[in-house]
Amino acid sequence: MNKTSFLDIMRALSKEELKRFEAFLNSPYFNTRNNVVNLFSSIKKYAPEFTHKMLDKEEVWKKLFPGKKYNYGILKNIIYDITKLAERFLEVEDLNYNEMQRMQNLLNKLGEKHLENIFLNKYNTFEKNFLKSSKFYDNYFRDYAELKVHRFTVQAYNPNHYSKLISTHISELLIFDFIVKFGNNFNNVYIEEAEHNQSSSTEFIRLFSKTIFNDKTLEEYFNKMNAGSDRNFKISIIFFRMIKCYMNPESTELYFEFKKTLFENDKYISEAALRGLYACLGSTLDNCKDLSKINKNRELFELICHLNEKNIFLSAAGKVIPSLYLLAVKTAGALKETAFIEKMISEFLPCINPDLLNNFTIFSRTFLYFSKNEFDKSMEFSNKLSIDSFQMKYILKNLQIIISFEKDDFIMFQYLSDAHKHFLSNNKSVSSSYKESNMKFLNYTNSLFKLRESKNKTEIGFTERKIHEDTFVNKQWLIEKLAEIRLTISN
């Protein structure tokens, strides 16, 4: 029985949830089968692991039917029944915490029973105390539209309950919801294409997006409404500008417009939705092509600091989001923000999943020493990573290349560069675009070593132009190193 879906569910429940599940099983509304209750009573003592040898099916049978011959068919049916009840329990648990869905269900039933007076009382109270006072969350516009659909249905059956322009309001909410959902998903499209080397075989998404989100008349209307008091427009214009920013990566100005709009209106947005929007802002920053008007590392660091200031760096459950932690430490290290890394280590490292703690500590110490220009200690820690975590390893391998240049050790660079090339070529999960990006970084770093020796202004200018026009990892660092080389020549 150890490998059943039922026990998988039981292992995932907390102590309090197991108590509620037992009460659920004993409720005659949900369950009338005594064998199911007896089964749970006989195994609950083995919580929370549920791996004891007494959970073997034949041992469980003996507890349920002492003295009777083992019958796999009967026991199988009991396990099936309790598994279905466990799944139903999860549904009920979710519903108990979903106030919106419970209200939708209640309004639907009140409407079906033509209890209009009770319906209107519940609807008006909920709209006022929940939706109109709630901060925006990802399904806010969808939920509001569905609520108003219930209201429209009531007036359709009874004209005495007519409400002004309700179908117009529903249409507006559906448009707002589309913009929000499309904006969030467009961020996923970008991640698929940028990180996983995947792209659509058609131009439908971009053709549609450009037609809608580059429309001047629509943009002017959004700008006008954003200046007013309607918070629905203030929220939706954030996503409108996000998509516009994605569609025009060559325009740094659109990134700053998106950022400004988000910062101005973030008071209307819930913490969970705000975390997602900051992630999207970071992705649109990464998508910016023109680095002449923006320092990506400094800009990204500012965004991470905002997450800290608003107390939303951690997840809603108070846990560290691993990819965000790595990004924060890496960015702070590149900018030599030692105090910030120390804050990460003291405040957030203890919130890391225990399974990740050792390698995240190594990662943090590596960048801490790098930020202090203690390159030998940084290199020592970078070699201690014990697991095959691709994301962490590629970041540290790139850092080692940077350290070799900072130490002016070309022999070290050659060794590390060869090892990095083998790492990229032997890893089958690495996309061709990712390999190309990292190979460019290695080749440009090799050119920097030569330029630091030759001090040839013509070659420096030529390399500088190529770097600005190209796309690859650690571009900002290379631009800064070229500027330092140019400065040494001027002096």
Protein backbone atom coordinates (compact mmCIF):
# COMPACT_ATOMS: atom_id res chain seq x y z
CA MET A 1 0.00 0.00 0.00
CA ASN A 2 3.05 2.25 0.42
CA LYS A 3 3.08 3.20 -3.26
CA THR A 4 -0.59 4.18 -3.55
CA SER A 5 -1.79 7.63 -4.59
CA PHE A 6 -3.75 7.79 -1.35
CA LEU A 7 -0.63 7.62 0.82
CA ASP A 8 1.13 10.12 -1.46
CA ILE A 9 -1.67 12.55 -0.61
CA MET A 10 -1.51 11.73 3.11
CA ARG A 11 2.25 12.40 3.19
CA ALA A 12 1.62 15.85 1.72
CA LEU A 13 -0.88 16.85 4.45
CA SER A 14 0.06 18.74 7.59
CA LYS A 15 -0.86 17.53 11.07
CA GLU A 16 -3.87 19.87 11.18
CA GLU A 17 -4.96 18.83 7.67
CA LEU A 18 -4.88 15.16 8.69
CA LYS A 19 -7.21 15.99 11.59
CA ARG A 20 -9.59 17.76 9.24
CA PHE A 21 -9.41 14.84 6.80
CA GLU A 22 -10.48 12.44 9.56
CA ALA A 23 -13.43 14.72 10.39
CA PHE A 24 -14.22 14.85 6.67
CA LEU A 25 -14.31 11.02 6.46
CA ASN A 26 -16.63 10.87 9.47
CA SER A 27 -19.10 13.30 7.92
CA PRO A 28 -22.08 11.33 6.53
CA TYR A 29 -22.61 14.07 3.93
CA PHE A 30 -19.33 13.14 2.26
CA ASN A 31 -18.90 9.49 3.25
CA THR A 32 -21.17 6.62 4.27
CA ARG A 33 -18.65 3.77 4.01
CA ASN A 34 -17.46 2.48 7.40
CA ASN A 35 -14.60 0.49 5.88
CA VAL A 36 -13.03 3.73 4.65
CA VAL A 37 -13.20 5.25 8.16
CA ASN A 38 -11.74 2.08 9.66
CA LEU A 39 -8.91 2.07 7.13
CA PHE A 40 -7.82 5.57 8.05
CA SER A 41 -8.14 4.85 11.77
CA SER A 42 -5.78 1.90 11.39
CA ILE A 43 -3.05 3.79 9.51
CA LYS A 44 -3.12 7.35 10.94
CA LYS A 45 -0.64 6.38 13.68
CA TYR A 46 2.05 6.05 10.98
CA ALA A 47 1.89 9.73 10.02
CA PRO A 48 3.60 11.75 8.69
CA GLU A 49 5.94 9.38 6.81
CA PHE A 50 3.41 6.59 6.16
CA THR A 51 6.20 4.13 5.30
CA HIS A 52 5.87 1.55 8.10
CA LYS A 53 5.94 -2.16 7.25
CA MET A 54 2.48 -2.47 8.80
CA LEU A 55 1.18 -0.50 5.81
CA ASP A 56 1.70 -3.56 3.64
CA LYS A 57 -1.65 -4.44 2.08
CA GLU A 58 -1.95 -7.83 3.78
CA GLU A 59 -1.14 -6.27 7.19
CA VAL A 60 -3.77 -3.58 6.61
CA TRP A 61 -6.27 -6.31 5.68
CA LYS A 62 -5.66 -8.07 9.00
CA LYS A 63 -6.52 -4.87 10.88
CA LEU A 64 -9.68 -4.30 8.86
CA PHE A 65 -10.94 -7.91 8.72
CA PRO A 66 -9.28 -9.94 11.49
CA GLY A 67 -9.54 -13.67 10.93
CA LYS A 68 -10.74 -13.36 7.33
CA LYS A 69 -8.83 -14.59 4.26
CA TYR A 70 -7.01 -11.82 2.37
CA ASN A 71 -9.03 -10.56 -0.61
CA TYR A 72 -7.12 -8.14 -2.82
CA GLY A 73 -10.23 -7.14 -4.81
CA ILE A 74 -12.13 -5.94 -1.74
CA LEU A 75 -9.13 -4.06 -0.34
CA LYS A 76 -8.47 -2.51 -3.73
CA ASN A 77 -12.02 -1.10 -3.80
CA ILE A 78 -11.64 0.36 -0.29
CA ILE A 79 -8.36 2.02 -1.26
CA TYR A 80 -10.02 3.36 -4.41
CA ASP A 81 -12.86 4.83 -2.34
CA ILE A 82 -10.58 6.50 0.19
CA THR A 83 -8.37 7.88 -2.58
CA LYS A 84 -11.38 9.54 -4.22
CA LEU A 85 -12.41 10.95 -0.84
CA ALA A 86 -8.88 12.29 -0.30
CA GLU A 87 -9.04 14.03 -3.67
CA ARG A 88 -12.47 15.46 -2.78
CA PHE A 89 -11.05 16.66 0.53
CA LEU A 90 -8.36 18.62 -1.34
CA GLU A 91 -11.08 20.21 -3.48
CA VAL A 92 -13.06 21.22 -0.39
CA GLU A 93 -9.94 22.54 1.35
CA ASP A 94 -9.16 24.73 -1.63
CA LEU A 95 -12.74 25.97 -1.81
CA ASN A 96 -12.75 26.84 1.90
CA TYR A 97 -9.93 29.31 1.29
CA ASN A 98 -11.31 30.64 -2.00
CA GLU A 99 -13.83 33.27 -0.96
CA MET A 100 -14.42 34.39 -4.54
CA GLN A 101 -15.27 30.91 -5.82
CA ARG A 102 -17.58 30.24 -2.88
CA MET A 103 -19.47 33.45 -3.59
CA GLN A 104 -19.69 32.61 -7.31
CA ASN A 105 -21.17 29.22 -6.43
CA LEU A 106 -23.62 30.72 -3.95
CA LEU A 107 -24.82 33.41 -6.38
CA ASN A 108 -25.24 30.81 -9.09
CA LYS A 109 -27.49 28.68 -6.86
CA LEU A 110 -29.45 31.67 -5.56
CA GLY A 111 -30.08 32.69 -9.16
CA GLU A 112 -31.19 29.17 -10.13
CA LYS A 113 -33.66 29.14 -7.23
CA HIS A 114 -34.92 32.64 -8.15
CA LEU A 115 -34.10 33.98 -4.69
CA GLU A 116 -33.45 37.44 -6.13
CA ASN A 117 -33.68 39.44 -2.90
CA ILE A 118 -31.13 37.27 -1.12
CA PHE A 119 -29.00 37.30 -4.30
CA LEU A 120 -28.93 41.11 -4.51
CA ASN A 121 -28.10 41.46 -0.83
CA LYS A 122 -25.18 39.03 -1.12
CA TYR A 123 -24.01 40.50 -4.43
CA ASN A 124 -24.02 44.14 -3.28
CA THR A 125 -22.27 43.36 0.01
CA PHE A 126 -19.58 41.22 -1.67
CA GLU A 127 -18.94 43.73 -4.45
CA LYS A 128 -18.54 46.56 -1.95
CA ASN A 129 -16.54 44.77 0.76
CA PHE A 130 -14.40 42.49 -1.40
CA LEU A 131 -13.97 43.47 -5.03
CA LYS A 132 -14.14 47.25 -4.77
CA SER A 133 -11.83 47.26 -1.76
CA SER A 134 -9.48 44.53 -2.97
CA LYS A 135 -6.08 45.18 -4.46
CA PHE A 136 -5.50 43.79 -7.94
CA TYR A 137 -4.60 40.11 -8.18
CA ASP A 138 -4.01 38.08 -11.37
CA ASN A 139 -7.65 36.94 -11.77
CA TYR A 140 -9.23 40.16 -10.47
CA PHE A 141 -10.83 41.30 -13.76
CA ARG A 142 -11.99 37.78 -14.66
CA ASP A 143 -13.61 37.30 -11.25
CA TYR A 144 -15.29 40.71 -11.38
CA ALA A 145 -16.64 40.02 -14.88
CA GLU A 146 -18.02 36.62 -13.81
CA LEU A 147 -19.68 38.21 -10.78
CA LYS A 148 -21.38 40.78 -13.00
CA VAL A 149 -22.52 38.03 -15.40
CA HIS A 150 -24.49 36.53 -12.48
CA ARG A 151 -25.98 39.97 -11.85
CA PHE A 152 -26.90 40.38 -15.53
CA THR A 153 -28.63 36.97 -15.52
CA VAL A 154 -30.86 38.03 -12.61
CA GLN A 155 -32.04 41.17 -14.39
CA ALA A 156 -32.57 39.21 -17.61
CA TYR A 157 -35.20 37.10 -15.81
CA ASN A 158 -36.63 39.99 -13.78
CA PRO A 159 -36.53 43.49 -15.37
CA ASN A 160 -37.40 45.00 -11.98
CA HIS A 161 -33.80 44.33 -10.97
CA TYR A 162 -32.28 46.26 -13.89
CA SER A 163 -28.81 47.75 -13.31
CA LYS A 164 -27.46 50.49 -15.58
CA LEU A 165 -24.90 49.51 -18.29
CA ILE A 166 -23.95 46.23 -16.63
CA SER A 167 -23.14 44.49 -19.94
CA THR A 168 -20.91 47.46 -20.87
CA HIS A 169 -19.03 47.06 -17.60
CA ILE A 170 -18.62 43.33 -18.29
CA SER A 171 -17.12 44.10 -21.72
CA GLU A 172 -14.61 46.52 -20.19
CA LEU A 173 -13.60 43.97 -17.55
CA LEU A 174 -13.13 41.26 -20.19
CA ILE A 175 -10.82 43.57 -22.18
CA PHE A 176 -8.84 44.41 -19.05
CA ASP A 177 -8.57 40.70 -18.22
CA PHE A 178 -7.33 39.91 -21.73
CA ILE A 179 -4.61 42.56 -21.52
CA VAL A 180 -3.47 41.25 -18.12
CA LYS A 181 -3.49 37.58 -19.14
CA PHE A 182 -1.87 38.28 -22.50
CA GLY A 183 0.81 40.42 -20.85
CA ASN A 184 1.67 37.75 -18.28
CA ASN A 185 1.77 35.05 -20.94
CA PHE A 186 3.87 37.20 -23.27
CA ASN A 187 6.48 37.17 -20.54
CA ASN A 188 6.41 33.35 -20.73
CA VAL A 189 6.75 33.55 -24.52
CA TYR A 190 9.87 35.66 -24.07
CA ILE A 191 11.34 33.18 -21.57
CA GLU A 192 10.67 30.25 -23.93
CA GLU A 193 12.40 32.00 -26.79
CA ALA A 194 15.29 33.55 -24.85
CA GLU A 195 16.18 30.77 -22.42
CA HIS A 196 14.97 27.59 -24.14
CA ASN A 197 15.75 28.41 -27.76
CA GLN A 198 12.13 27.90 -28.82
CA SER A 199 10.07 30.05 -31.13
CA SER A 200 6.70 29.86 -32.86
CA SER A 201 6.58 28.66 -36.45
CA THR A 202 4.15 31.48 -37.26
CA GLU A 203 4.17 35.25 -36.81
CA PHE A 204 0.56 35.29 -35.56
CA ILE A 205 1.38 36.36 -31.98
CA ARG A 206 3.60 39.25 -32.98
CA LEU A 207 1.36 40.34 -35.84
CA PHE A 208 -1.63 40.42 -33.50
CA SER A 209 0.35 42.14 -30.72
CA LYS A 210 1.74 44.85 -32.97
CA THR A 211 -1.70 45.55 -34.40
CA ILE A 212 -3.25 46.01 -30.96
CA PHE A 213 -0.51 47.32 -28.72
CA ASN A 214 1.21 49.66 -31.17
CA ASP A 215 -2.07 51.34 -32.03
CA LYS A 216 -1.66 55.10 -31.38
CA THR A 217 -5.36 55.84 -30.84
CA LEU A 218 -5.70 53.08 -28.23
CA GLU A 219 -2.55 54.21 -26.48
CA GLU A 220 -3.75 57.82 -26.35
CA TYR A 221 -7.03 56.67 -24.81
CA PHE A 222 -5.21 54.60 -22.18
CA ASN A 223 -2.99 57.58 -21.34
CA LYS A 224 -6.02 59.82 -20.91
CA MET A 225 -7.84 57.31 -18.70
CA ASN A 226 -4.69 56.67 -16.66
CA ALA A 227 -4.68 60.37 -15.75
CA GLY A 228 -8.18 59.99 -14.27
CA SER A 229 -9.40 58.19 -11.16
CA ASP A 230 -10.45 54.82 -12.64
CA ARG A 231 -8.00 52.36 -11.09
CA ASN A 232 -8.93 49.63 -13.58
CA PHE A 233 -7.26 51.66 -16.32
CA LYS A 234 -4.31 52.44 -14.04
CA ILE A 235 -3.76 48.71 -13.54
CA SER A 236 -4.33 47.58 -17.13
CA ILE A 237 -2.05 50.26 -18.62
CA ILE A 238 0.84 48.63 -16.71
CA PHE A 239 0.33 45.45 -18.73
CA PHE A 240 -0.36 47.43 -21.91
CA ARG A 241 3.03 49.11 -21.61
CA MET A 242 4.70 45.85 -20.68
CA ILE A 243 3.60 44.23 -23.95
CA LYS A 244 4.53 47.35 -25.91
CA CYS A 245 7.99 47.19 -24.31
CA TYR A 246 8.41 43.53 -25.30
CA MET A 247 7.33 44.32 -28.85
CA ASN A 248 9.92 47.11 -29.23
CA PRO A 249 13.17 45.90 -27.55
CA GLU A 250 15.24 48.50 -29.39
CA SER A 251 13.48 51.32 -27.48
CA THR A 252 14.91 51.80 -23.98
CA GLU A 253 12.40 54.63 -23.47
CA LEU A 254 9.52 52.12 -23.50
CA TYR A 255 11.19 50.14 -20.70
CA PHE A 256 11.39 53.27 -18.55
CA GLU A 257 7.74 54.06 -19.35
CA PHE A 258 6.71 50.59 -18.20
CA LYS A 259 8.80 50.94 -15.04
CA LYS A 260 7.44 54.42 -14.26
CA THR A 261 3.84 53.28 -14.73
CA LEU A 262 4.38 50.26 -12.47
CA PHE A 263 6.01 52.32 -9.71
CA GLU A 264 3.26 54.96 -9.87
CA ASN A 265 0.42 52.45 -9.61
CA ASP A 266 1.86 49.63 -7.50
CA LYS A 267 -0.25 50.74 -4.51
CA TYR A 268 -3.27 49.19 -6.27
CA ILE A 269 -1.58 45.79 -6.65
CA SER A 270 -1.41 42.82 -4.26
CA GLU A 271 1.95 41.46 -3.13
CA ALA A 272 1.66 38.26 -5.17
CA ALA A 273 0.81 40.12 -8.39
CA LEU A 274 3.54 42.67 -7.67
CA ARG A 275 6.16 39.92 -7.45
CA GLY A 276 5.09 38.74 -10.89
CA LEU A 277 5.19 42.24 -12.36
CA TYR A 278 8.69 42.87 -11.01
CA ALA A 279 9.75 39.60 -12.64
CA CYS A 280 8.25 40.82 -15.92
CA LEU A 281 10.01 44.17 -15.51
CA GLY A 282 13.28 42.29 -15.11
CA SER A 283 12.58 40.29 -18.27
CA THR A 284 11.78 43.41 -20.31
CA LEU A 285 15.03 44.91 -19.02
CA ASP A 286 16.89 41.82 -20.20
CA ASN A 287 15.16 42.21 -23.59
CA CYS A 288 16.43 45.79 -24.07
CA LYS A 289 18.93 45.92 -26.93
CA ASP A 290 20.34 49.46 -26.63
CA LEU A 291 22.83 49.58 -23.75
CA SER A 292 24.02 53.11 -24.55
CA LYS A 293 21.19 54.52 -22.41
CA ILE A 294 21.01 51.99 -19.61
CA ASN A 295 23.26 50.05 -17.24
CA LYS A 296 21.43 46.74 -16.97
CA ASN A 297 23.24 45.55 -13.85
CA ARG A 298 22.60 48.78 -11.97
CA GLU A 299 18.98 48.88 -13.13
CA LEU A 300 18.39 45.25 -12.12
CA PHE A 301 19.97 45.90 -8.73
CA GLU A 302 17.56 48.79 -8.21
CA LEU A 303 14.60 46.49 -8.95
CA ILE A 304 15.87 43.89 -6.46
CA CYS A 305 16.28 46.63 -3.83
CA HIS A 306 12.66 47.65 -4.43
CA LEU A 307 11.57 44.07 -3.73
CA ASN A 308 13.44 44.23 -0.43
CA GLU A 309 12.05 47.64 0.50
CA LYS A 310 8.49 46.45 -0.14
CA ASN A 311 9.11 43.24 1.83
CA ILE A 312 8.18 41.03 -1.12
CA PHE A 313 11.58 39.47 -1.83
CA LEU A 314 10.38 36.26 -0.16
CA SER A 315 7.40 34.27 -1.43
CA ALA A 316 3.99 34.61 0.23
CA ALA A 317 4.91 31.54 2.32
CA GLY A 318 8.06 33.28 3.59
CA LYS A 319 10.39 31.14 1.47
CA VAL A 320 13.27 32.23 -0.73
CA ILE A 321 12.64 31.94 -4.45
CA PRO A 322 15.90 30.19 -5.48
CA SER A 323 16.32 31.80 -8.92
CA LEU A 324 15.66 35.28 -7.48
CA TYR A 325 18.20 34.77 -4.69
CA LEU A 326 20.89 33.68 -7.18
CA LEU A 327 20.12 36.65 -9.41
CA ALA A 328 20.28 39.09 -6.47
CA VAL A 329 23.65 37.80 -5.25
CA LYS A 330 25.11 37.64 -8.77
CA THR A 331 23.99 41.20 -9.60
CA ALA A 332 25.21 42.63 -6.29
CA GLY A 333 28.55 40.87 -6.81
CA ALA A 334 28.99 42.36 -10.29
CA LEU A 335 28.39 45.84 -8.83
CA LYS A 336 30.66 45.20 -5.80
CA GLU A 337 27.71 45.77 -3.45
CA THR A 338 29.30 43.90 -0.54
CA ALA A 339 26.87 45.10 2.14
CA PHE A 340 23.90 43.86 0.11
CA ILE A 341 25.38 40.37 -0.27
CA GLU A 342 26.05 40.26 3.46
CA LYS A 343 22.37 41.16 3.98
CA MET A 344 21.37 38.31 1.66
CA ILE A 345 23.51 35.87 3.62
CA SER A 346 22.34 36.97 7.08
CA GLU A 347 18.62 37.54 6.38
CA PHE A 348 17.63 35.31 3.47
CA LEU A 349 20.07 32.41 3.31
CA PRO A 350 18.50 30.85 6.45
CA CYS A 351 15.15 30.80 4.57
CA ILE A 352 16.57 28.60 1.79
CA ASN A 353 15.35 25.02 1.40
CA PRO A 354 17.76 22.92 3.56
CA ASP A 355 18.58 20.74 0.54
CA LEU A 356 19.93 23.81 -1.26
CA LEU A 357 21.65 25.49 1.67
CA ASN A 358 25.19 24.17 1.18
CA ASN A 359 25.50 25.11 -2.49
CA PHE A 360 23.73 28.45 -2.01
CA THR A 361 26.19 29.26 0.77
CA ILE A 362 29.09 28.47 -1.56
CA PHE A 363 27.53 30.61 -4.28
CA SER A 364 27.01 33.51 -1.87
CA ARG A 365 30.55 33.37 -0.47
CA THR A 366 31.99 33.25 -3.97
CA PHE A 367 30.35 36.55 -4.92
CA LEU A 368 30.95 38.07 -1.49
CA TYR A 369 34.71 37.67 -1.88
CA PHE A 370 34.54 38.78 -5.51
CA SER A 371 32.80 41.99 -4.42
CA LYS A 372 35.72 42.60 -2.03
CA ASN A 373 38.25 41.99 -4.85
CA GLU A 374 39.52 38.96 -2.94
CA PHE A 375 39.74 36.97 -6.14
CA ASP A 376 41.72 33.99 -4.86
CA LYS A 377 39.16 33.31 -2.10
CA SER A 378 36.34 33.79 -4.61
CA MET A 379 37.95 31.27 -6.96
CA GLU A 380 38.47 28.83 -4.08
CA PHE A 381 34.77 28.88 -3.14
CA SER A 382 33.63 28.69 -6.75
CA ASN A 383 35.33 25.30 -7.09
CA LYS A 384 33.46 23.82 -4.11
CA LEU A 385 30.07 23.46 -5.79
CA SER A 386 29.11 19.82 -5.21
CA ILE A 387 26.05 19.22 -7.41
CA ASP A 388 25.31 19.34 -11.10
CA SER A 389 23.18 22.48 -10.92
CA PHE A 390 23.51 23.91 -14.42
CA GLN A 391 22.31 27.41 -13.60
CA MET A 392 24.77 27.84 -10.72
CA LYS A 393 27.65 26.18 -12.52
CA TYR A 394 27.43 28.29 -15.64
CA ILE A 395 27.23 31.49 -13.57
CA LEU A 396 30.32 30.50 -11.58
CA LYS A 397 32.21 29.38 -14.67
CA ASN A 398 31.59 32.78 -16.23
CA LEU A 399 32.70 34.44 -12.99
CA GLN A 400 35.94 32.46 -13.07
CA ILE A 401 36.62 33.82 -16.56
CA ILE A 402 36.04 37.33 -15.23
CA ILE A 403 38.37 36.66 -12.28
CA SER A 404 41.13 35.51 -14.62
CA PHE A 405 40.93 38.88 -16.40
CA GLU A 406 40.79 40.84 -13.14
CA LYS A 407 43.95 38.98 -12.02
CA ASP A 408 45.50 39.57 -15.46
CA ASP A 409 46.25 35.85 -15.69
CA PHE A 410 46.03 34.84 -19.34
CA ILE A 411 47.22 31.28 -18.68
CA MET A 412 44.39 30.82 -16.20
CA PHE A 413 41.99 32.29 -18.75
CA GLN A 414 43.09 29.85 -21.46
CA TYR A 415 42.63 26.87 -19.14
CA LEU A 416 39.22 28.06 -17.92
CA SER A 417 38.09 28.99 -21.41
CA ASP A 418 38.87 25.52 -22.77
CA ALA A 419 37.07 23.88 -19.83
CA HIS A 420 34.06 26.15 -20.32
CA LYS A 421 33.86 25.31 -24.03
CA HIS A 422 33.87 21.60 -23.23
CA PHE A 423 31.21 22.14 -20.55
CA LEU A 424 28.97 23.86 -23.09
CA SER A 425 29.51 21.37 -25.91
CA ASN A 426 29.03 18.29 -23.71
CA ASN A 427 25.82 19.51 -22.08
CA LYS A 428 22.98 18.34 -24.32
CA SER A 429 20.38 20.50 -22.55
CA VAL A 430 22.11 23.74 -23.58
CA SER A 431 20.39 25.52 -26.47
CA SER A 432 22.37 26.61 -29.52
CA SER A 433 21.62 30.28 -28.77
CA TYR A 434 22.93 29.87 -25.22
CA LYS A 435 26.13 28.23 -26.48
CA GLU A 436 26.61 30.99 -29.03
CA SER A 437 26.07 33.68 -26.38
CA ASN A 438 28.69 32.19 -24.04
CA MET A 439 31.17 31.52 -26.85
CA LYS A 440 30.97 35.19 -27.82
CA PHE A 441 31.69 36.15 -24.22
CA LEU A 442 34.79 33.95 -24.17
CA ASN A 443 36.02 35.31 -27.51
CA TYR A 444 35.48 38.94 -26.53
CA THR A 445 37.28 38.37 -23.21
CA ASN A 446 40.19 36.91 -25.15
CA SER A 447 40.21 40.10 -27.26
CA LEU A 448 40.26 42.21 -24.09
CA PHE A 449 43.44 40.50 -22.91
CA LYS A 450 45.10 41.37 -26.22
CA LEU A 451 43.83 44.96 -26.21
CA ARG A 452 45.12 45.50 -22.69
CA GLU A 453 48.58 44.60 -23.97
CA SER A 454 48.50 46.33 -27.36
CA LYS A 455 46.63 49.50 -26.30
CA ASN A 456 45.70 49.92 -29.96
CA LYS A 457 43.04 52.68 -30.07
CA THR A 458 41.78 51.61 -33.50
CA GLU A 459 41.28 48.02 -32.39
CA ILE A 460 39.67 49.17 -29.15
CA GLY A 461 37.18 51.30 -31.08
CA PHE A 462 36.43 48.47 -33.49
CA THR A 463 35.88 45.94 -30.67
CA GLU A 464 33.77 48.43 -28.74
CA ARG A 465 31.41 48.89 -31.69
CA LYS A 466 31.10 45.14 -32.20
CA ILE A 467 30.28 44.55 -28.52
CA HIS A 468 27.62 47.27 -28.45
CA GLU A 469 25.94 45.83 -31.56
CA ASP A 470 26.13 42.19 -30.45
CA THR A 471 24.06 40.15 -27.97
CA PHE A 472 25.66 37.82 -25.39
CA VAL A 473 26.08 37.23 -21.65
CA ASN A 474 28.07 39.59 -19.39
CA LYS A 475 27.96 42.34 -22.01
CA GLN A 476 27.86 45.12 -19.40
CA TRP A 477 31.07 43.87 -17.77
CA LEU A 478 32.92 43.82 -21.10
CA ILE A 479 31.79 47.38 -21.87
CA GLU A 480 33.09 48.54 -18.48
CA LYS A 481 36.44 46.76 -18.94
CA LEU A 482 36.88 48.33 -22.37
CA ALA A 483 36.24 51.74 -20.84
CA GLU A 484 38.92 51.03 -18.22
CA ILE A 485 41.42 50.06 -20.94
CA ARG A 486 40.62 53.21 -22.88
CA LEU A 487 41.14 55.27 -19.70
CA THR A 488 44.60 53.81 -19.09
CA ILE A 489 45.63 54.88 -22.61
CA SER A 490 44.32 58.41 -22.05
CA ASN A 491 46.30 58.70 -18.83
